Every structure is written in structure tokens, then in C-alpha cells.
N, C-alpha and C. Protein backbone atom coordinates (compact mmCIF):
# COMPACT_ATOMS: atom_id res chain seq x y z
N MET A 1 107.64 110.61 96.41
CA MET A 1 107.07 111.37 95.32
C MET A 1 108.11 112.29 94.69
N LYS A 2 108.99 112.90 95.52
CA LYS A 2 110.02 113.79 94.99
C LYS A 2 111.02 113.01 94.15
N THR A 3 111.27 111.76 94.49
CA THR A 3 112.19 110.93 93.72
C THR A 3 111.66 110.71 92.31
N GLN A 4 110.34 110.52 92.17
CA GLN A 4 109.74 110.33 90.85
C GLN A 4 109.91 111.58 89.99
N TYR A 5 109.72 112.76 90.61
CA TYR A 5 109.88 114.01 89.86
C TYR A 5 111.33 114.20 89.42
N LYS A 6 112.28 113.83 90.27
CA LYS A 6 113.70 113.94 89.91
C LYS A 6 114.04 112.99 88.77
N LEU A 7 113.48 111.78 88.83
CA LEU A 7 113.72 110.80 87.77
C LEU A 7 113.13 111.28 86.44
N LEU A 8 111.92 111.83 86.48
CA LEU A 8 111.28 112.35 85.28
C LEU A 8 112.06 113.52 84.71
N LEU A 9 112.52 114.43 85.55
CA LEU A 9 113.31 115.57 85.11
C LEU A 9 114.63 115.12 84.50
N SER A 10 115.28 114.13 85.09
CA SER A 10 116.53 113.60 84.55
C SER A 10 116.31 112.96 83.18
N LEU A 11 115.19 112.26 83.02
CA LEU A 11 114.87 111.62 81.76
C LEU A 11 114.64 112.67 80.66
N ILE A 12 113.88 113.70 80.97
CA ILE A 12 113.63 114.77 80.00
C ILE A 12 114.92 115.48 79.63
N LEU A 13 115.76 115.75 80.62
CA LEU A 13 117.05 116.40 80.37
C LEU A 13 117.94 115.53 79.49
N GLY A 14 117.95 114.22 79.75
CA GLY A 14 118.75 113.29 78.95
C GLY A 14 118.30 113.26 77.50
N ILE A 15 116.98 113.25 77.27
CA ILE A 15 116.44 113.27 75.91
C ILE A 15 116.85 114.55 75.19
N CYS A 16 116.78 115.67 75.89
CA CYS A 16 117.18 116.95 75.29
C CYS A 16 118.66 116.94 74.92
N LEU A 17 119.50 116.40 75.79
CA LEU A 17 120.93 116.37 75.52
C LEU A 17 121.26 115.46 74.34
N ILE A 18 120.56 114.33 74.25
CA ILE A 18 120.79 113.43 73.12
C ILE A 18 120.39 114.10 71.82
N SER A 19 119.25 114.80 71.82
CA SER A 19 118.82 115.48 70.59
C SER A 19 119.77 116.59 70.21
N LEU A 20 120.39 117.26 71.20
CA LEU A 20 121.37 118.31 70.89
C LEU A 20 122.65 117.70 70.32
N ALA A 21 123.02 116.52 70.80
CA ALA A 21 124.24 115.88 70.31
C ALA A 21 124.11 115.49 68.85
N TYR A 22 122.90 115.20 68.39
CA TYR A 22 122.69 114.82 67.01
C TYR A 22 122.26 116.00 66.14
N ALA A 23 122.27 117.20 66.68
CA ALA A 23 121.79 118.36 65.94
C ALA A 23 122.67 118.69 64.75
N GLU A 24 123.96 118.31 64.77
CA GLU A 24 124.85 118.65 63.68
C GLU A 24 124.62 117.80 62.43
N VAL A 25 124.02 116.65 62.56
CA VAL A 25 123.76 115.79 61.41
C VAL A 25 122.53 116.33 60.69
N GLN A 26 122.64 116.48 59.36
CA GLN A 26 121.51 116.96 58.59
C GLN A 26 120.44 115.89 58.53
N ASN A 27 119.18 116.33 58.43
CA ASN A 27 118.07 115.40 58.36
C ASN A 27 117.25 115.69 57.11
N LEU A 28 117.06 114.69 56.28
CA LEU A 28 116.33 114.84 55.03
C LEU A 28 114.83 114.85 55.26
N GLY A 29 114.35 114.15 56.30
CA GLY A 29 112.92 114.10 56.58
C GLY A 29 112.47 112.69 56.91
N THR A 30 111.15 112.47 56.84
CA THR A 30 110.55 111.18 57.15
C THR A 30 109.79 110.67 55.94
N PHE A 31 109.97 109.39 55.64
CA PHE A 31 109.38 108.80 54.44
C PHE A 31 108.71 107.48 54.77
N GLU A 32 107.78 107.08 53.89
CA GLU A 32 107.06 105.82 54.08
C GLU A 32 107.94 104.64 53.67
N VAL A 33 107.79 103.53 54.36
CA VAL A 33 108.57 102.33 54.06
C VAL A 33 108.31 101.87 52.62
N ASP A 34 109.34 101.39 51.96
CA ASP A 34 109.30 100.90 50.57
C ASP A 34 108.96 101.98 49.54
N SER A 35 109.17 103.24 49.88
CA SER A 35 108.96 104.31 48.91
C SER A 35 110.30 104.72 48.30
N CYS A 36 110.25 105.40 47.15
CA CYS A 36 111.46 105.93 46.52
C CYS A 36 111.77 107.29 47.14
N ILE A 37 113.02 107.52 47.49
CA ILE A 37 113.43 108.73 48.21
C ILE A 37 114.49 109.45 47.40
N ASP A 38 114.34 110.75 47.26
CA ASP A 38 115.35 111.57 46.59
C ASP A 38 116.43 111.95 47.59
N LEU A 39 117.59 111.32 47.49
CA LEU A 39 118.72 111.67 48.35
C LEU A 39 119.32 112.96 47.81
N LYS A 40 119.41 113.98 48.66
CA LYS A 40 119.81 115.31 48.21
C LYS A 40 121.06 115.80 48.90
N GLN A 41 121.78 116.66 48.21
CA GLN A 41 122.91 117.37 48.79
C GLN A 41 123.04 118.69 48.05
N THR A 42 123.37 119.74 48.77
CA THR A 42 123.55 121.07 48.18
C THR A 42 124.99 121.49 48.33
N CYS A 43 125.57 121.99 47.22
CA CYS A 43 126.95 122.48 47.25
C CYS A 43 127.09 123.49 46.12
N SER A 44 127.19 124.76 46.47
CA SER A 44 127.24 125.81 45.44
C SER A 44 128.60 125.90 44.77
N ASN A 45 129.68 125.49 45.43
CA ASN A 45 131.03 125.60 44.87
C ASN A 45 131.63 124.24 44.49
N CYS A 46 130.76 123.26 44.18
CA CYS A 46 131.25 121.93 43.80
C CYS A 46 131.07 121.71 42.31
N SER A 47 132.02 121.05 41.68
CA SER A 47 131.86 120.65 40.28
C SER A 47 131.24 119.26 40.21
N TYR A 48 131.28 118.52 41.31
CA TYR A 48 130.65 117.20 41.37
C TYR A 48 130.30 116.88 42.83
N VAL A 49 129.33 116.00 43.01
CA VAL A 49 129.03 115.40 44.31
C VAL A 49 128.72 113.93 44.04
N ASN A 50 129.39 113.05 44.75
CA ASN A 50 129.19 111.61 44.62
C ASN A 50 128.52 111.04 45.86
N LEU A 51 127.63 110.10 45.65
CA LEU A 51 127.06 109.32 46.75
C LEU A 51 128.08 108.23 47.08
N THR A 52 128.51 108.16 48.35
CA THR A 52 129.58 107.21 48.71
C THR A 52 129.09 106.04 49.57
N SER A 53 128.01 106.22 50.32
CA SER A 53 127.50 105.09 51.12
C SER A 53 126.07 105.33 51.55
N ILE A 54 125.37 104.22 51.76
CA ILE A 54 124.02 104.23 52.33
C ILE A 54 124.00 103.14 53.39
N VAL A 55 123.62 103.52 54.62
CA VAL A 55 123.61 102.58 55.74
C VAL A 55 122.18 102.43 56.25
N SER A 56 121.72 101.19 56.39
CA SER A 56 120.36 100.91 56.84
C SER A 56 120.27 101.04 58.37
N PRO A 57 119.05 101.05 58.93
CA PRO A 57 118.89 101.10 60.39
C PRO A 57 119.52 99.91 61.11
N LYS A 58 119.75 98.81 60.39
CA LYS A 58 120.38 97.63 60.98
C LYS A 58 121.90 97.69 60.87
N SER A 59 122.42 98.87 60.49
CA SER A 59 123.87 99.12 60.33
C SER A 59 124.51 98.30 59.22
N ASN A 60 123.71 97.92 58.23
CA ASN A 60 124.23 97.23 57.06
C ASN A 60 124.47 98.25 55.94
N TYR A 61 125.58 98.10 55.23
CA TYR A 61 125.84 98.95 54.08
C TYR A 61 124.99 98.45 52.91
N ILE A 62 124.03 99.27 52.48
CA ILE A 62 123.23 98.95 51.31
C ILE A 62 124.05 99.29 50.06
N PHE A 63 124.85 100.34 50.20
CA PHE A 63 125.75 100.74 49.11
C PHE A 63 127.02 101.29 49.74
N ASN A 64 128.16 100.93 49.18
CA ASN A 64 129.44 101.45 49.65
C ASN A 64 130.37 101.52 48.43
N GLY A 65 130.50 102.69 47.86
CA GLY A 65 131.29 102.88 46.64
C GLY A 65 131.21 104.32 46.20
N THR A 66 131.07 104.53 44.87
CA THR A 66 130.96 105.89 44.35
C THR A 66 129.98 105.90 43.18
N ILE A 67 128.95 106.73 43.30
CA ILE A 67 127.99 106.95 42.23
C ILE A 67 127.82 108.46 42.08
N ASN A 68 127.86 108.94 40.85
CA ASN A 68 127.64 110.37 40.60
C ASN A 68 126.20 110.74 40.91
N MET A 69 126.01 111.86 41.57
CA MET A 69 124.68 112.39 41.80
C MET A 69 124.35 113.35 40.66
N GLN A 70 123.08 113.44 40.31
CA GLN A 70 122.65 114.30 39.22
C GLN A 70 122.67 115.75 39.68
N LYS A 71 123.24 116.61 38.83
CA LYS A 71 123.40 118.02 39.19
C LYS A 71 122.28 118.86 38.60
N ASN A 72 121.76 119.78 39.42
CA ASN A 72 120.76 120.76 38.97
C ASN A 72 121.10 122.07 39.67
N GLY A 73 121.99 122.86 39.06
CA GLY A 73 122.48 124.08 39.69
C GLY A 73 123.39 123.72 40.85
N ALA A 74 123.04 124.19 42.04
CA ALA A 74 123.83 123.87 43.24
C ALA A 74 123.29 122.64 43.96
N ASN A 75 122.23 122.04 43.41
CA ASN A 75 121.58 120.89 44.04
C ASN A 75 121.97 119.60 43.33
N TYR A 76 122.22 118.57 44.12
CA TYR A 76 122.56 117.25 43.59
C TYR A 76 121.59 116.25 44.19
N ASN A 77 121.18 115.27 43.39
CA ASN A 77 120.27 114.25 43.95
C ASN A 77 120.49 112.90 43.28
N ARG A 78 119.98 111.88 43.98
CA ARG A 78 120.02 110.50 43.49
C ARG A 78 118.81 109.79 44.09
N THR A 79 118.05 109.08 43.27
CA THR A 79 116.86 108.39 43.76
C THR A 79 117.23 107.03 44.35
N PHE A 80 116.66 106.74 45.53
CA PHE A 80 116.92 105.50 46.26
C PHE A 80 115.58 104.82 46.51
N CYS A 81 115.42 103.58 46.06
CA CYS A 81 114.12 102.89 46.15
C CYS A 81 114.17 101.59 46.96
N LYS A 82 115.12 101.42 47.85
CA LYS A 82 115.22 100.18 48.63
C LYS A 82 115.06 100.44 50.12
N SER A 83 114.14 101.32 50.48
CA SER A 83 113.96 101.69 51.89
C SER A 83 113.01 100.71 52.58
N SER A 84 113.43 99.46 52.69
CA SER A 84 112.55 98.42 53.23
C SER A 84 112.61 98.31 54.75
N ASP A 85 113.64 98.85 55.39
CA ASP A 85 113.78 98.75 56.84
C ASP A 85 113.28 100.02 57.52
N ILE A 86 112.56 99.84 58.62
CA ILE A 86 112.04 100.97 59.38
C ILE A 86 113.12 101.45 60.35
N GLY A 87 113.30 102.76 60.42
CA GLY A 87 114.29 103.33 61.33
C GLY A 87 115.07 104.47 60.68
N THR A 88 116.23 104.78 61.24
CA THR A 88 117.07 105.88 60.76
C THR A 88 118.10 105.37 59.76
N TRP A 89 118.06 105.92 58.57
CA TRP A 89 119.01 105.62 57.51
C TRP A 89 120.03 106.74 57.45
N ILE A 90 121.23 106.44 56.98
CA ILE A 90 122.27 107.46 56.82
C ILE A 90 122.90 107.28 55.44
N TYR A 91 123.02 108.39 54.71
CA TYR A 91 123.78 108.33 53.47
C TYR A 91 124.85 109.41 53.51
N CYS A 92 125.99 109.11 52.88
CA CYS A 92 127.12 110.05 52.86
C CYS A 92 127.48 110.40 51.42
N THR A 93 127.91 111.65 51.25
CA THR A 93 128.31 112.14 49.95
C THR A 93 129.69 112.76 50.04
N GLU A 94 130.32 112.89 48.89
CA GLU A 94 131.62 113.57 48.82
C GLU A 94 131.62 114.51 47.63
N GLY A 95 132.01 115.75 47.84
CA GLY A 95 132.08 116.74 46.78
C GLY A 95 133.36 117.56 46.88
N ASP A 96 133.70 118.24 45.78
CA ASP A 96 134.93 119.05 45.77
C ASP A 96 134.61 120.51 46.11
N LEU A 97 134.28 120.75 47.35
CA LEU A 97 133.95 122.09 47.83
C LEU A 97 135.19 122.97 47.75
N ASP A 98 135.13 123.99 46.89
CA ASP A 98 136.27 124.91 46.67
C ASP A 98 137.54 124.15 46.31
N GLY A 99 137.38 123.04 45.57
CA GLY A 99 138.54 122.28 45.13
C GLY A 99 139.07 121.27 46.13
N THR A 100 138.45 121.19 47.31
CA THR A 100 138.89 120.25 48.34
C THR A 100 137.79 119.22 48.58
N ALA A 101 138.15 117.95 48.54
CA ALA A 101 137.17 116.88 48.77
C ALA A 101 136.63 116.96 50.20
N GLU A 102 135.33 116.98 50.29
CA GLU A 102 134.68 117.09 51.61
C GLU A 102 133.51 116.12 51.67
N SER A 103 133.40 115.41 52.79
CA SER A 103 132.32 114.45 52.98
C SER A 103 131.24 115.03 53.89
N ARG A 104 130.00 114.67 53.59
CA ARG A 104 128.87 115.05 54.43
C ARG A 104 127.94 113.87 54.55
N CYS A 105 127.34 113.73 55.72
CA CYS A 105 126.38 112.65 55.95
C CYS A 105 125.02 113.24 56.31
N VAL A 106 123.98 112.61 55.82
CA VAL A 106 122.60 113.05 56.04
C VAL A 106 121.81 111.84 56.49
N ASN A 107 120.90 112.04 57.44
CA ASN A 107 120.03 110.92 57.84
C ASN A 107 118.60 111.19 57.42
N PHE A 108 117.82 110.12 57.35
CA PHE A 108 116.39 110.25 57.11
C PHE A 108 115.69 109.11 57.82
N GLU A 109 114.43 109.34 58.16
CA GLU A 109 113.64 108.35 58.90
C GLU A 109 112.70 107.63 57.94
N VAL A 110 112.55 106.33 58.14
CA VAL A 110 111.57 105.54 57.41
C VAL A 110 110.61 104.96 58.44
N THR A 111 109.31 105.27 58.27
CA THR A 111 108.28 104.81 59.21
C THR A 111 107.19 104.09 58.42
N PRO A 112 106.34 103.32 59.09
CA PRO A 112 105.28 102.60 58.38
C PRO A 112 104.34 103.52 57.62
N SER A 113 104.01 104.68 58.20
CA SER A 113 103.04 105.57 57.58
C SER A 113 103.67 106.74 56.83
N GLY A 114 104.97 106.97 57.04
CA GLY A 114 105.61 108.14 56.43
C GLY A 114 105.48 109.39 57.27
N SER A 115 104.82 109.28 58.44
CA SER A 115 104.70 110.44 59.33
C SER A 115 105.79 110.37 60.39
N ALA A 116 106.19 111.54 60.88
CA ALA A 116 107.31 111.62 61.82
C ALA A 116 106.97 110.97 63.15
N ASN A 117 105.76 111.14 63.61
CA ASN A 117 105.40 110.58 64.91
C ASN A 117 103.91 110.29 64.92
N ASN A 118 103.54 109.03 65.02
CA ASN A 118 102.12 108.68 65.07
C ASN A 118 101.73 108.01 66.38
N LEU A 119 102.46 108.35 67.45
CA LEU A 119 102.11 107.78 68.76
C LEU A 119 100.70 108.18 69.17
N GLY A 120 100.27 109.37 68.76
CA GLY A 120 98.91 109.82 69.06
C GLY A 120 97.88 108.88 68.47
N PHE A 121 98.15 108.40 67.25
CA PHE A 121 97.25 107.45 66.59
C PHE A 121 97.12 106.18 67.42
N TYR A 122 98.27 105.66 67.90
CA TYR A 122 98.25 104.44 68.71
C TYR A 122 97.40 104.64 69.96
N PHE A 123 97.64 105.74 70.68
CA PHE A 123 96.92 105.98 71.93
C PHE A 123 95.43 106.17 71.70
N ILE A 124 95.07 106.95 70.68
CA ILE A 124 93.65 107.19 70.40
C ILE A 124 92.95 105.88 70.03
N PHE A 125 93.60 105.09 69.17
CA PHE A 125 93.00 103.83 68.75
C PHE A 125 92.82 102.89 69.93
N LEU A 126 93.85 102.80 70.80
CA LEU A 126 93.75 101.93 71.97
C LEU A 126 92.72 102.45 72.97
N LEU A 127 92.62 103.77 73.14
CA LEU A 127 91.61 104.34 74.04
C LEU A 127 90.20 104.05 73.55
N ILE A 128 90.00 104.17 72.24
CA ILE A 128 88.67 103.87 71.69
C ILE A 128 88.34 102.39 71.89
N SER A 129 89.31 101.52 71.60
CA SER A 129 89.09 100.07 71.79
C SER A 129 88.79 99.75 73.25
N ALA A 130 89.58 100.33 74.17
CA ALA A 130 89.35 100.11 75.61
C ALA A 130 88.00 100.67 76.02
N GLY A 131 87.63 101.82 75.46
CA GLY A 131 86.32 102.41 75.77
C GLY A 131 85.18 101.51 75.34
N VAL A 132 85.30 100.89 74.15
CA VAL A 132 84.26 99.98 73.67
C VAL A 132 84.19 98.75 74.57
N ILE A 133 85.34 98.23 75.00
CA ILE A 133 85.35 97.06 75.89
C ILE A 133 84.67 97.41 77.22
N ILE A 134 85.02 98.57 77.78
CA ILE A 134 84.41 99.00 79.06
C ILE A 134 82.92 99.22 78.89
N LEU A 135 82.51 99.78 77.73
CA LEU A 135 81.08 99.96 77.45
C LEU A 135 80.37 98.60 77.42
N GLY A 136 81.01 97.61 76.79
CA GLY A 136 80.42 96.27 76.76
C GLY A 136 80.27 95.67 78.14
N PHE A 137 81.30 95.88 78.99
CA PHE A 137 81.20 95.40 80.38
C PHE A 137 80.09 96.12 81.13
N THR A 138 79.99 97.43 80.93
CA THR A 138 78.98 98.25 81.64
C THR A 138 77.57 97.84 81.24
N LEU A 139 77.36 97.65 79.94
CA LEU A 139 76.02 97.30 79.44
C LEU A 139 75.74 95.80 79.56
N LEU A 140 76.73 95.03 80.02
CA LEU A 140 76.64 93.57 80.09
C LEU A 140 76.31 92.99 78.72
N ASP A 141 76.91 93.57 77.69
CA ASP A 141 76.70 93.11 76.31
C ASP A 141 78.00 92.51 75.80
N PRO A 142 78.08 91.19 75.74
CA PRO A 142 79.33 90.55 75.33
C PRO A 142 79.73 90.83 73.89
N TYR A 143 78.76 91.12 73.02
CA TYR A 143 79.08 91.37 71.62
C TYR A 143 79.81 92.71 71.44
N ILE A 144 79.45 93.68 72.22
CA ILE A 144 80.16 94.97 72.19
C ILE A 144 81.58 94.78 72.73
N THR A 145 81.71 93.97 73.77
CA THR A 145 83.03 93.67 74.32
C THR A 145 83.92 93.01 73.27
N LEU A 146 83.37 92.03 72.53
CA LEU A 146 84.12 91.38 71.46
C LEU A 146 84.52 92.38 70.37
N LEU A 147 83.64 93.31 70.06
CA LEU A 147 83.95 94.33 69.07
C LEU A 147 85.15 95.17 69.51
N GLY A 148 85.22 95.49 70.79
CA GLY A 148 86.35 96.26 71.32
C GLY A 148 87.67 95.52 71.25
N THR A 149 87.63 94.19 71.38
CA THR A 149 88.88 93.41 71.33
C THR A 149 89.48 93.39 69.93
N ILE A 150 88.67 93.63 68.90
CA ILE A 150 89.19 93.66 67.53
C ILE A 150 90.24 94.76 67.40
N GLY A 151 90.02 95.89 68.06
CA GLY A 151 91.00 96.98 68.03
C GLY A 151 92.33 96.56 68.65
N PHE A 152 92.29 95.81 69.73
CA PHE A 152 93.53 95.33 70.36
C PHE A 152 94.25 94.32 69.47
N TYR A 153 93.46 93.44 68.82
CA TYR A 153 94.08 92.50 67.87
C TYR A 153 94.77 93.26 66.74
N PHE A 154 94.06 94.23 66.18
CA PHE A 154 94.60 95.01 65.07
C PHE A 154 95.90 95.71 65.47
N MET A 155 95.89 96.39 66.61
CA MET A 155 97.08 97.13 67.04
C MET A 155 98.23 96.19 67.40
N GLY A 156 97.92 95.05 68.00
CA GLY A 156 98.97 94.08 68.32
C GLY A 156 99.67 93.57 67.08
N ILE A 157 98.89 93.25 66.04
CA ILE A 157 99.47 92.77 64.79
C ILE A 157 100.23 93.88 64.08
N TYR A 158 99.68 95.10 64.11
CA TYR A 158 100.33 96.24 63.46
C TYR A 158 101.68 96.54 64.11
N VAL A 159 101.73 96.57 65.44
CA VAL A 159 102.98 96.83 66.15
C VAL A 159 103.97 95.69 65.93
N LEU A 160 103.48 94.46 65.87
CA LEU A 160 104.34 93.30 65.62
C LEU A 160 105.01 93.41 64.25
N LYS A 161 104.26 93.88 63.26
CA LYS A 161 104.80 93.96 61.90
C LYS A 161 105.65 95.21 61.68
N TYR A 162 105.17 96.39 62.14
CA TYR A 162 105.82 97.65 61.81
C TYR A 162 106.55 98.32 62.97
N GLY A 163 106.34 97.86 64.18
CA GLY A 163 106.95 98.53 65.32
C GLY A 163 106.20 99.80 65.68
N ILE A 164 106.81 100.60 66.53
CA ILE A 164 106.24 101.87 66.95
C ILE A 164 107.24 102.95 66.57
N ASN A 165 106.75 104.00 65.91
CA ASN A 165 107.65 105.11 65.55
C ASN A 165 108.31 105.65 66.80
N GLY A 166 109.62 105.79 66.74
CA GLY A 166 110.37 106.29 67.88
C GLY A 166 110.91 105.18 68.77
N ILE A 167 110.30 103.98 68.68
CA ILE A 167 110.78 102.82 69.43
C ILE A 167 111.06 101.73 68.41
N ARG A 168 112.31 101.55 68.04
CA ARG A 168 112.63 100.61 66.98
C ARG A 168 113.29 99.34 67.50
N ASP A 169 113.44 99.25 68.80
CA ASP A 169 114.11 98.10 69.38
C ASP A 169 113.12 96.94 69.47
N LEU A 170 113.44 95.83 68.81
CA LEU A 170 112.54 94.68 68.79
C LEU A 170 112.28 94.13 70.18
N SER A 171 113.26 94.28 71.09
CA SER A 171 113.07 93.78 72.45
C SER A 171 112.04 94.60 73.22
N VAL A 172 111.66 95.76 72.69
CA VAL A 172 110.60 96.57 73.32
C VAL A 172 109.29 96.39 72.59
N THR A 173 109.32 96.48 71.24
CA THR A 173 108.07 96.42 70.49
C THR A 173 107.45 95.02 70.49
N LEU A 174 108.27 93.98 70.51
CA LEU A 174 107.73 92.62 70.53
C LEU A 174 106.91 92.35 71.79
N PRO A 175 107.43 92.65 73.00
CA PRO A 175 106.59 92.43 74.20
C PRO A 175 105.32 93.29 74.21
N ILE A 176 105.41 94.53 73.69
CA ILE A 176 104.22 95.38 73.66
C ILE A 176 103.14 94.74 72.80
N SER A 177 103.54 94.25 71.61
CA SER A 177 102.55 93.62 70.73
C SER A 177 102.00 92.34 71.34
N ILE A 178 102.86 91.55 71.99
CA ILE A 178 102.40 90.31 72.61
C ILE A 178 101.43 90.60 73.76
N ILE A 179 101.70 91.65 74.53
CA ILE A 179 100.79 92.03 75.62
C ILE A 179 99.43 92.44 75.06
N MET A 180 99.43 93.25 73.98
CA MET A 180 98.16 93.67 73.37
C MET A 180 97.38 92.48 72.82
N LEU A 181 98.09 91.58 72.14
CA LEU A 181 97.42 90.38 71.61
C LEU A 181 96.93 89.48 72.74
N GLY A 182 97.71 89.39 73.83
CA GLY A 182 97.31 88.58 74.98
C GLY A 182 96.06 89.13 75.66
N ILE A 183 96.01 90.45 75.84
CA ILE A 183 94.82 91.08 76.44
C ILE A 183 93.60 90.82 75.57
N ALA A 184 93.77 91.03 74.26
CA ALA A 184 92.65 90.81 73.33
C ALA A 184 92.19 89.35 73.37
N ALA A 185 93.15 88.42 73.36
CA ALA A 185 92.79 86.99 73.38
C ALA A 185 92.08 86.61 74.67
N TYR A 186 92.60 87.09 75.80
CA TYR A 186 91.99 86.75 77.09
C TYR A 186 90.55 87.24 77.17
N ILE A 187 90.36 88.54 76.82
CA ILE A 187 89.01 89.12 76.94
C ILE A 187 88.05 88.46 75.95
N SER A 188 88.51 88.25 74.72
CA SER A 188 87.59 87.69 73.71
C SER A 188 87.27 86.22 74.01
N ILE A 189 88.26 85.43 74.42
CA ILE A 189 88.00 84.02 74.73
C ILE A 189 87.07 83.89 75.93
N LYS A 190 87.34 84.70 76.97
CA LYS A 190 86.48 84.66 78.17
C LYS A 190 85.06 85.10 77.83
N THR A 191 84.94 86.09 76.96
CA THR A 191 83.61 86.57 76.56
C THR A 191 82.87 85.50 75.76
N VAL A 192 83.55 84.84 74.83
CA VAL A 192 82.92 83.79 74.03
C VAL A 192 82.48 82.63 74.93
N ILE A 193 83.31 82.27 75.91
CA ILE A 193 82.93 81.19 76.84
C ILE A 193 81.68 81.57 77.62
N GLU A 194 81.57 82.83 78.03
CA GLU A 194 80.38 83.30 78.76
C GLU A 194 79.15 83.28 77.86
N ILE A 195 79.34 83.66 76.56
CA ILE A 195 78.21 83.63 75.63
C ILE A 195 77.70 82.20 75.46
N ILE A 196 78.66 81.28 75.27
CA ILE A 196 78.29 79.86 75.11
C ILE A 196 77.59 79.33 76.37
N ALA A 197 78.14 79.67 77.54
CA ALA A 197 77.55 79.20 78.81
C ALA A 197 76.13 79.76 78.99
N ASP A 198 75.93 81.04 78.63
CA ASP A 198 74.59 81.64 78.76
C ASP A 198 73.58 81.00 77.80
N ASN A 199 74.04 80.65 76.61
CA ASN A 199 73.13 80.09 75.61
C ASN A 199 72.73 78.65 75.94
N TYR A 200 73.58 77.94 76.68
CA TYR A 200 73.27 76.56 77.01
C TYR A 200 72.65 76.39 78.40
N ASN A 201 72.42 77.49 79.10
CA ASN A 201 71.79 77.42 80.43
C ASN A 201 70.37 77.90 80.36
């Protein structure tokens, strides 16, 4: 039991250290997939700021060159409308801060819903679906059980298409979605077979 607590403490400490290591990178925020995003940079002593690169979560350069950003006082911006990949995006700018060229990079998150973390939604939805399935088993009502499996089908397809916020690795999200779809298929097929068997006996 003490080994589990040590492992949990090490995991929490590791997550904290990773978040501290990335604390120096500016974060623009979280946005919905396929939405237009205002890429921003602030520089009070710059006569210009150029957008120099945009990197997708798949580490592909969406843009690599020089585009002038629109100036509004000390604020510079450029609208970006190709946020089709879910995950962490990075864009870099270059400005003449006090006459010296200086580069800065900013990241932003793209999620299916535009919210920073919707793991609570996943858990609540799955708990409700599991609760309905258990209620169907308790009441010996196969139709309620089938109704509960719809939630598992929905979540399995949703995770398959959009992933899970915070877990962007396909080797993790794909098995999770397949497990959810498998559970839903097993319970619903077994329930339908029992309904058919009861109706013909």
C-alpha cells in the first residue's frame, strides 16, 4: 500500500515539474476546433511585429515565413482560421524591441468544445450511462439497459473522433474509445438476444 502512495506522489510531483518547465511559454488560451483565432503579441517599444511561424500539434509548419501583424497601439494581431487539429499549437513572432530584433513564441490549445478541460463531462456522462445500465439490470428491464448503452456508444464515437482533452496521444484515446464501444456492443447485443429469447419462449 505504501508503494502505491509513493508512486502517486511521484506522479503528482512529475506533473507539477513539467508544468513549471513550460511556465515561461506564453499561453493565448483555449479555442474550439475549426474556429478563427486572433493571434496576439504585445510590444510597447516595437515599430513592427511579424508573424514568423505557426506549428500544428502534429509538429507540421502551417506557416513559415514573414507576415506583418496589424498594429493597434502596443498590441499586434493576426487572424488565423485553420485550427483543424486538436492539441497545442505554437506561433512565433519577431519584433524590433528597442531597435533589436527579438523573437517570442506563444502557444494555444484547440479542443473539441473550446473548453480547457472537460474531463468532468466525460465522467458524468459515463456515470449516468452506467447508472442507467445498472438500473436496467436491477429492475430486470432490458429496454432500460439498452437505453444506457446508447451513452457508451455516443462517448466511444465522440472520443474516437475528437479524443480526450489533455490526452492527445492516439495510442491512448483509440483503445479507450474501442473499449467503450466494445462494452456498449457486448451489453446491447446480449440484451437484444435475451429479449428475442424471452419473446419466443
